[in-house]
C-alpha atoms as a PDB file:
ATOM      1  CA  UNK A   1      -0.103  -0.069  -0.009  1.00  0.00           C
ATOM      2  CA  UNK A   2       1.378   3.391  -0.892  1.00  0.00           C
ATOM      3  CA  UNK A   3       2.332   5.744   1.923  1.00  0.00           C
ATOM      4  CA  UNK A   4       0.562   9.177   1.338  1.00  0.00           C
ATOM      5  CA  UNK A   5       1.918  10.743   4.403  1.00  0.00           C
ATOM      6  CA  UNK A   6       3.505  14.069   3.763  1.00  0.00           C
ATOM      7  CA  UNK A   7       7.236  14.322   4.378  1.00  0.00           C
ATOM      8  CA  UNK A   8       7.967  16.589   7.358  1.00  0.00           C
ATOM      9  CA  UNK A   9      11.057  18.867   7.249  1.00  0.00           C
ATOM     10  CA  UNK A  10      12.869  20.435  10.017  1.00  0.00           C
ATOM     11  CA  UNK A  11      15.481  23.116  10.351  1.00  0.00           C
ATOM     12  CA  UNK A  12      19.003  21.866  10.180  1.00  0.00           C
ATOM     13  CA  UNK A  13      20.610  22.694  13.553  1.00  0.00           C
ATOM     14  CA  UNK A  14      24.238  21.676  14.195  1.00  0.00           C
ATOM     15  CA  UNK A  15      24.517  19.445  17.228  1.00  0.00           C
ATOM     16  CA  UNK A  16      20.661  19.095  17.769  1.00  0.00           C
ATOM     17  CA  UNK A  17      18.408  16.042  17.455  1.00  0.00           C
ATOM     18  CA  UNK A  18      15.292  16.352  15.379  1.00  0.00           C
ATOM     19  CA  UNK A  19      12.158  15.869  17.406  1.00  0.00           C
ATOM     20  CA  UNK A  20      10.291  12.666  16.507  1.00  0.00           C
ATOM     21  CA  UNK A  21      13.203  11.490  14.012  1.00  0.00           C
ATOM     22  CA  UNK A  22      13.051   7.641  13.596  1.00  0.00           C
ATOM     23  CA  UNK A  23      16.852   7.678  13.450  1.00  0.00           C
ATOM     24  CA  UNK A  24      17.193   9.355  16.657  1.00  0.00           C
ATOM     25  CA  UNK A  25      20.791  10.723  16.364  1.00  0.00           C
ATOM     26  CA  UNK A  26      22.008  14.392  16.332  1.00  0.00           C
ATOM     27  CA  UNK A  27      23.042  16.490  13.523  1.00  0.00           C
ATOM     28  CA  UNK A  28      26.750  16.757  13.412  1.00  0.00           C
ATOM     29  CA  UNK A  29      28.338  19.711  15.214  1.00  0.00           C
ATOM     30  CA  UNK A  30      30.901  20.491  12.598  1.00  0.00           C
ATOM     31  CA  UNK A  31      28.638  21.857   9.970  1.00  0.00           C
ATOM     32  CA  UNK A  32      27.591  25.513   8.991  1.00  0.00           C
ATOM     33  CA  UNK A  33      24.080  26.012   7.838  1.00  0.00           C
ATOM     34  CA  UNK A  34      22.409  29.060   6.131  1.00  0.00           C
ATOM     35  CA  UNK A  35      18.950  30.410   6.777  1.00  0.00           C
ATOM     36  CA  UNK A  36      15.888  28.260   6.102  1.00  0.00           C
ATOM     37  CA  UNK A  37      17.626  25.134   5.232  1.00  0.00           C
ATOM     38  CA  UNK A  38      15.658  21.938   6.047  1.00  0.00           C
ATOM     39  CA  UNK A  39      15.958  18.189   6.380  1.00  0.00           C
ATOM     40  CA  UNK A  40      13.662  15.306   6.897  1.00  0.00           C
ATOM     41  CA  UNK A  41      15.833  13.091   9.011  1.00  0.00           C
ATOM     42  CA  UNK A  42      19.351  12.984  10.658  1.00  0.00           C
ATOM     43  CA  UNK A  43      19.816   9.717   8.758  1.00  0.00           C
ATOM     44  CA  UNK A  44      21.296  11.767   6.201  1.00  0.00           C
ATOM     45  CA  UNK A  45      24.483  11.758   8.347  1.00  0.00           C
ATOM     46  CA  UNK A  46      24.659   8.242   9.193  1.00  0.00           C
ATOM     47  CA  UNK A  47      28.044   7.770   7.621  1.00  0.00           C
ATOM     48  CA  UNK A  48      29.285  11.327   8.181  1.00  0.00           C
ATOM     49  CA  UNK A  49      32.736  10.739   9.677  1.00  0.00           C
ATOM     50  CA  UNK A  50      34.749  13.895   8.909  1.00  0.00           C
ATOM     51  CA  UNK A  51      36.629  15.367  11.748  1.00  0.00           C
ATOM     52  CA  UNK A  52      37.409  18.660  10.041  1.00  0.00           C
ATOM     53  CA  UNK A  53      36.333  21.847  12.135  1.00  0.00           C
ATOM     54  CA  UNK A  54      33.964  22.664   9.379  1.00  0.00           C
ATOM     55  CA  UNK A  55      33.228  19.470   7.302  1.00  0.00           C
ATOM     56  CA  UNK A  56      30.045  20.528   5.610  1.00  0.00           C
ATOM     57  CA  UNK A  57      28.675  23.963   4.585  1.00  0.00           C
ATOM     58  CA  UNK A  58      25.178  24.183   3.611  1.00  0.00           C
ATOM     59  CA  UNK A  59      23.766  27.504   2.154  1.00  0.00           C
ATOM     60  CA  UNK A  60      20.355  29.204   2.598  1.00  0.00           C
ATOM     61  CA  UNK A  61      17.122  27.727   1.467  1.00  0.00           C
ATOM     62  CA  UNK A  62      18.547  24.186   0.804  1.00  0.00           C
ATOM     63  CA  UNK A  63      16.268  21.028   1.156  1.00  0.00           C
ATOM     64  CA  UNK A  64      17.760  17.627   1.939  1.00  0.00           C
ATOM     65  CA  UNK A  65      15.174  14.986   1.425  1.00  0.00           C
ATOM     66  CA  UNK A  66      16.054  11.334   1.943  1.00  0.00           C
ATOM     67  CA  UNK A  67      19.523  12.115   1.023  1.00  0.00           C
ATOM     68  CA  UNK A  68      22.919  10.728   2.329  1.00  0.00           C
ATOM     69  CA  UNK A  69      25.925  12.885   2.907  1.00  0.00           C
ATOM     70  CA  UNK A  70      28.846  10.624   3.744  1.00  0.00           C
ATOM     71  CA  UNK A  71      32.377  11.543   4.535  1.00  0.00           C
ATOM     72  CA  UNK A  72      35.750  10.017   5.423  1.00  0.00           C
ATOM     73  CA  UNK A  73      37.884  11.578   8.186  1.00  0.00           C
ATOM     74  CA  UNK A  74      39.062  14.444   5.976  1.00  0.00           C
ATOM     75  CA  UNK A  75      36.075  14.857   3.673  1.00  0.00           C
ATOM     76  CA  UNK A  76      34.490  18.242   3.058  1.00  0.00           C
ATOM     77  CA  UNK A  77      31.182  19.089   1.365  1.00  0.00           C
ATOM     78  CA  UNK A  78      29.838  22.451   0.246  1.00  0.00           C
ATOM     79  CA  UNK A  79      26.356  22.889  -1.029  1.00  0.00           C
ATOM     80  CA  UNK A  80      25.147  26.330  -2.298  1.00  0.00           C
ATOM     81  CA  UNK A  81      22.155  28.335  -1.815  1.00  0.00           C
ATOM     82  CA  UNK A  82      18.547  27.251  -3.069  1.00  0.00           C
ATOM     83  CA  UNK A  83      19.590  23.480  -3.773  1.00  0.00           C
ATOM     84  CA  UNK A  84      17.213  20.674  -3.755  1.00  0.00           C
ATOM     85  CA  UNK A  85      18.843  17.246  -3.003  1.00  0.00           C
ATOM     86  CA  UNK A  86      16.313  14.373  -2.982  1.00  0.00           C
ATOM     87  CA  UNK A  87      17.234  10.715  -2.400  1.00  0.00           C
ATOM     88  CA  UNK A  88      20.873  11.243  -3.549  1.00  0.00           C
ATOM     89  CA  UNK A  89      24.191  10.012  -2.092  1.00  0.00           C
ATOM     90  CA  UNK A  90      27.185  12.506  -1.806  1.00  0.00           C
ATOM     91  CA  UNK A  91      30.194  10.582  -0.727  1.00  0.00           C
ATOM     92  CA  UNK A  92      33.405  12.564  -0.138  1.00  0.00           C
ATOM     93  CA  UNK A  93      36.885  11.212   0.853  1.00  0.00           C
ATOM     94  CA  UNK A  94      38.227  14.880   0.350  1.00  0.00           C
ATOM     95  CA  UNK A  95      36.114  17.384  -1.510  1.00  0.00           C
ATOM     96  CA  UNK A  96      32.745  17.921  -3.197  1.00  0.00           C
ATOM     97  CA  UNK A  97      31.483  21.332  -4.097  1.00  0.00           C
ATOM     98  CA  UNK A  98      27.988  22.046  -5.382  1.00  0.00           C
ATOM     99  CA  UNK A  99      27.010  25.633  -6.537  1.00  0.00           C
ATOM    100  CA  UNK A 100      23.766  27.377  -6.218  1.00  0.00           C
ATOM    101  CA  UNK A 101      20.256  26.374  -7.586  1.00  0.00           C
ATOM    102  CA  UNK A 102      21.412  22.652  -8.229  1.00  0.00           C
ATOM    103  CA  UNK A 103      18.653  20.148  -8.276  1.00  0.00           C
ATOM    104  CA  UNK A 104      19.704  16.468  -7.712  1.00  0.00           C
ATOM    105  CA  UNK A 105      17.338  13.600  -8.064  1.00  0.00           C
ATOM    106  CA  UNK A 106      16.803  10.419  -6.440  1.00  0.00           C
ATOM    107  CA  UNK A 107      19.365   7.529  -6.740  1.00  0.00           C
ATOM    108  CA  UNK A 108      22.185   9.964  -7.991  1.00  0.00           C
ATOM    109  CA  UNK A 109      25.645   9.207  -6.679  1.00  0.00           C
ATOM    110  CA  UNK A 110      28.408  11.927  -6.405  1.00  0.00           C
ATOM    111  CA  UNK A 111      31.734  10.350  -5.539  1.00  0.00           C
ATOM    112  CA  UNK A 112      35.339  11.935  -5.342  1.00  0.00           C
ATOM    113  CA  UNK A 113      37.277   8.493  -4.905  1.00  0.00           C
ATOM    114  CA  UNK A 114      37.077   4.976  -6.058  1.00  0.00           C
ATOM    115  CA  UNK A 115      37.378   4.055  -2.409  1.00  0.00           C
ATOM    116  CA  UNK A 116      39.072   0.817  -3.248  1.00  0.00           C
ATOM    117  CA  UNK A 117      42.142   0.050  -5.345  1.00  0.00           C
ATOM    118  CA  UNK A 118      41.713  -0.814  -9.083  1.00  0.00           C
ATOM    119  CA  UNK A 119      44.605  -3.284  -9.443  1.00  0.00           C
ATOM    120  CA  UNK A 120      43.748  -6.981  -8.343  1.00  0.00           C
ATOM    121  CA  UNK A 121      46.512  -7.449  -5.836  1.00  0.00           C
ATOM    122  CA  UNK A 122      45.929  -4.083  -4.070  1.00  0.00           C
ATOM    123  CA  UNK A 123      42.153  -4.675  -4.155  1.00  0.00           C
ATOM    124  CA  UNK A 124      42.607  -8.161  -2.503  1.00  0.00           C
ATOM    125  CA  UNK A 125      44.847  -6.495   0.130  1.00  0.00           C
ATOM    126  CA  UNK A 126      42.089  -3.936   0.795  1.00  0.00           C
ATOM    127  CA  UNK A 127      39.610  -6.648   1.099  1.00  0.00           C
ATOM    128  CA  UNK A 128      41.518  -8.235   3.831  1.00  0.00           C
ATOM    129  CA  UNK A 129      42.310  -4.989   5.536  1.00  0.00           C
ATOM    130  CA  UNK A 130      38.577  -4.091   5.883  1.00  0.00           C
ATOM    131  CA  UNK A 131      37.405  -7.666   6.797  1.00  0.00           C
ATOM    132  CA  UNK A 132      36.468  -8.452  10.454  1.00  0.00           C
ATOM    133  CA  UNK A 133      39.899 -10.141  10.933  1.00  0.00           C
ATOM    134  CA  UNK A 134      41.859  -7.282   9.044  1.00  0.00           C
ATOM    135  CA  UNK A 135      43.568  -4.176  10.166  1.00  0.00           C
ATOM    136  CA  UNK A 136      42.207  -0.849   8.621  1.00  0.00           C
ATOM    137  CA  UNK A 137      45.813   0.717   9.070  1.00  0.00           C
ATOM    138  CA  UNK A 138      47.021  -1.585   6.347  1.00  0.00           C
ATOM    139  CA  UNK A 139      44.586  -0.333   3.637  1.00  0.00           C
ATOM    140  CA  UNK A 140      46.231   0.715   0.356  1.00  0.00           C
ATOM    141  CA  UNK A 141      46.207   4.396  -0.346  1.00  0.00           C
ATOM    142  CA  UNK A 142      43.395   5.388  -2.844  1.00  0.00           C
ATOM    143  CA  UNK A 143      43.616   8.798  -4.549  1.00  0.00           C
ATOM    144  CA  UNK A 144      40.728  10.991  -4.369  1.00  0.00           C
ATOM    145  CA  UNK A 145      40.016  14.016  -6.904  1.00  0.00           C
ATOM    146  CA  UNK A 146      37.593  16.793  -6.085  1.00  0.00           C
ATOM    147  CA  UNK A 147      34.140  17.013  -7.752  1.00  0.00           C
ATOM    148  CA  UNK A 148      32.871  20.440  -8.685  1.00  0.00           C
ATOM    149  CA  UNK A 149      29.112  20.919  -9.664  1.00  0.00           C
ATOM    150  CA  UNK A 150      28.647  24.591 -10.782  1.00  0.00           C
ATOM    151  CA  UNK A 151      25.439  26.710 -10.455  1.00  0.00           C
ATOM    152  CA  UNK A 152      22.123  25.850 -12.125  1.00  0.00           C
ATOM    153  CA  UNK A 153      22.914  22.132 -12.811  1.00  0.00           C
ATOM    154  CA  UNK A 154      20.151  19.501 -13.009  1.00  0.00           C
ATOM    155  CA  UNK A 155      21.199  15.990 -12.208  1.00  0.00           C
ATOM    156  CA  UNK A 156      18.622  13.425 -13.401  1.00  0.00           C
ATOM    157  CA  UNK A 157      17.598  10.012 -11.542  1.00  0.00           C
ATOM    158  CA  UNK A 158      20.230   7.355 -11.114  1.00  0.00           C
ATOM    159  CA  UNK A 159      23.107   9.364 -12.682  1.00  0.00           C
ATOM    160  CA  UNK A 160      26.529   8.934 -11.301  1.00  0.00           C
ATOM    161  CA  UNK A 161      29.191  11.617 -11.116  1.00  0.00           C
ATOM    162  CA  UNK A 162      32.778  10.040 -10.619  1.00  0.00           C
ATOM    163  CA  UNK A 163      35.986  11.493  -9.167  1.00  0.00           C
ATOM    164  CA  UNK A 164      37.779  14.551 -10.568  1.00  0.00           C
ATOM    165  CA  UNK A 165      34.595  15.685 -12.556  1.00  0.00           C
ATOM    166  CA  UNK A 166      33.584  19.339 -12.990  1.00  0.00           C
ATOM    167  CA  UNK A 167      30.131  20.074 -14.324  1.00  0.00           C
ATOM    168  CA  UNK A 168      29.661  23.555 -15.917  1.00  0.00           C
ATOM    169  CA  UNK A 169      27.089  25.905 -15.055  1.00  0.00           C
ATOM    170  CA  UNK A 170      23.592  25.204 -16.531  1.00  0.00           C
ATOM    171  CA  UNK A 171      24.525  21.623 -17.663  1.00  0.00           C
ATOM    172  CA  UNK A 172      21.851  18.728 -17.610  1.00  0.00           C
ATOM    173  CA  UNK A 173      22.952  15.324 -16.586  1.00  0.00           C
ATOM    174  CA  UNK A 174      20.284  12.906 -18.028  1.00  0.00           C
ATOM    175  CA  UNK A 175      18.882  10.179 -15.936  1.00  0.00           C
ATOM    176  CA  UNK A 176      21.176   7.124 -15.690  1.00  0.00           C
ATOM    177  CA  UNK A 177      24.276   8.907 -17.156  1.00  0.00           C
ATOM    178  CA  UNK A 178      27.715   7.879 -15.912  1.00  0.00           C
ATOM    179  CA  UNK A 179      29.813  10.930 -15.780  1.00  0.00           C
ATOM    180  CA  UNK A 180      33.493  10.192 -16.093  1.00  0.00           C
ATOM    181  CA  UNK A 181      34.889  13.484 -17.540  1.00  0.00           C
ATOM    182  CA  UNK A 182      34.154  17.312 -17.424  1.00  0.00           C
ATOM    183  CA  UNK A 183      30.884  18.516 -18.793  1.00  0.00           C
ATOM    184  CA  UNK A 184      30.895  22.003 -20.426  1.00  0.00           C
ATOM    185  CA  UNK A 185      28.621  24.680 -19.298  1.00  0.00           C
ATOM    186  CA  UNK A 186      25.085  24.578 -20.755  1.00  0.00           C
ATOM    187  CA  UNK A 187      25.625  21.025 -22.234  1.00  0.00           C
ATOM    188  CA  UNK A 188      23.254  18.090 -21.730  1.00  0.00           C
ATOM    189  CA  UNK A 189      24.909  14.722 -21.460  1.00  0.00           C
ATOM    190  CA  UNK A 190      23.494  11.167 -21.483  1.00  0.00           C
ATOM    191  CA  UNK A 191      24.589   7.570 -21.477  1.00  0.00           C
ATOM    192  CA  UNK A 192      27.456   5.451 -20.216  1.00  0.00           C
ATOM    193  CA  UNK A 193      29.885   6.917 -20.472  1.00  0.00           C
ATOM    194  CA  UNK A 194      28.178  10.240 -20.780  1.00  0.00           C
ATOM    195  CA  UNK A 195      28.343  12.056 -23.994  1.00  0.00           C
ATOM    196  CA  UNK A 196      26.879  15.517 -25.218  1.00  0.00           C
ATOM    197  CA  UNK A 197      23.480  15.259 -26.858  1.00  0.00           C
ATOM    198  CA  UNK A 198      23.120  18.819 -27.619  1.00  0.00           C
ATOM    199  CA  UNK A 199      25.537  21.227 -29.332  1.00  0.00           C
ATOM    200  CA  UNK A 200      28.413  22.786 -27.297  1.00  0.00           C
ATOM    201  CA  UNK A 201      27.605  26.538 -27.276  1.00  0.00           C
END
């Protein structure tokens, strides 16, 4: 049966719990939030592990709805003003920057690292290190590259933005696109890997 209950939004207040929240954990203290920004649940921060003094900057008039913002110890995320993020995952080992008036749809993943090695031997060593019998200190180093999403970008359902990508202002990322390289301003891309489907201005 479909649940027609309206989603309740709450102000994002660093260090505070959300009354009636099913997740029942506090919003992280090391974030900065602009006016009128709201969230549906602190579950958004279930995997938020950054220890930076300011690990997340959220602008004004931002809505986080069923989103996940996950960080590693040195991860930093910045979200500009007037953004709407619905059901997306933002995963930062180091840095992800999102501009103003960006709409990010459900199922989207924005990731600044592979998080595991690509080479088979290193990948096996990583698998052992993160296992219950392993030692996390023995994990191979995996390089992260910042992701930048400029102003007025729309990212459609189930798109994936990989490490090192810059998406130019006003670009459109079609649903399901896998973005592995930079997207020029004003361009619409689609496919796997994502390619322009309209003329570059």
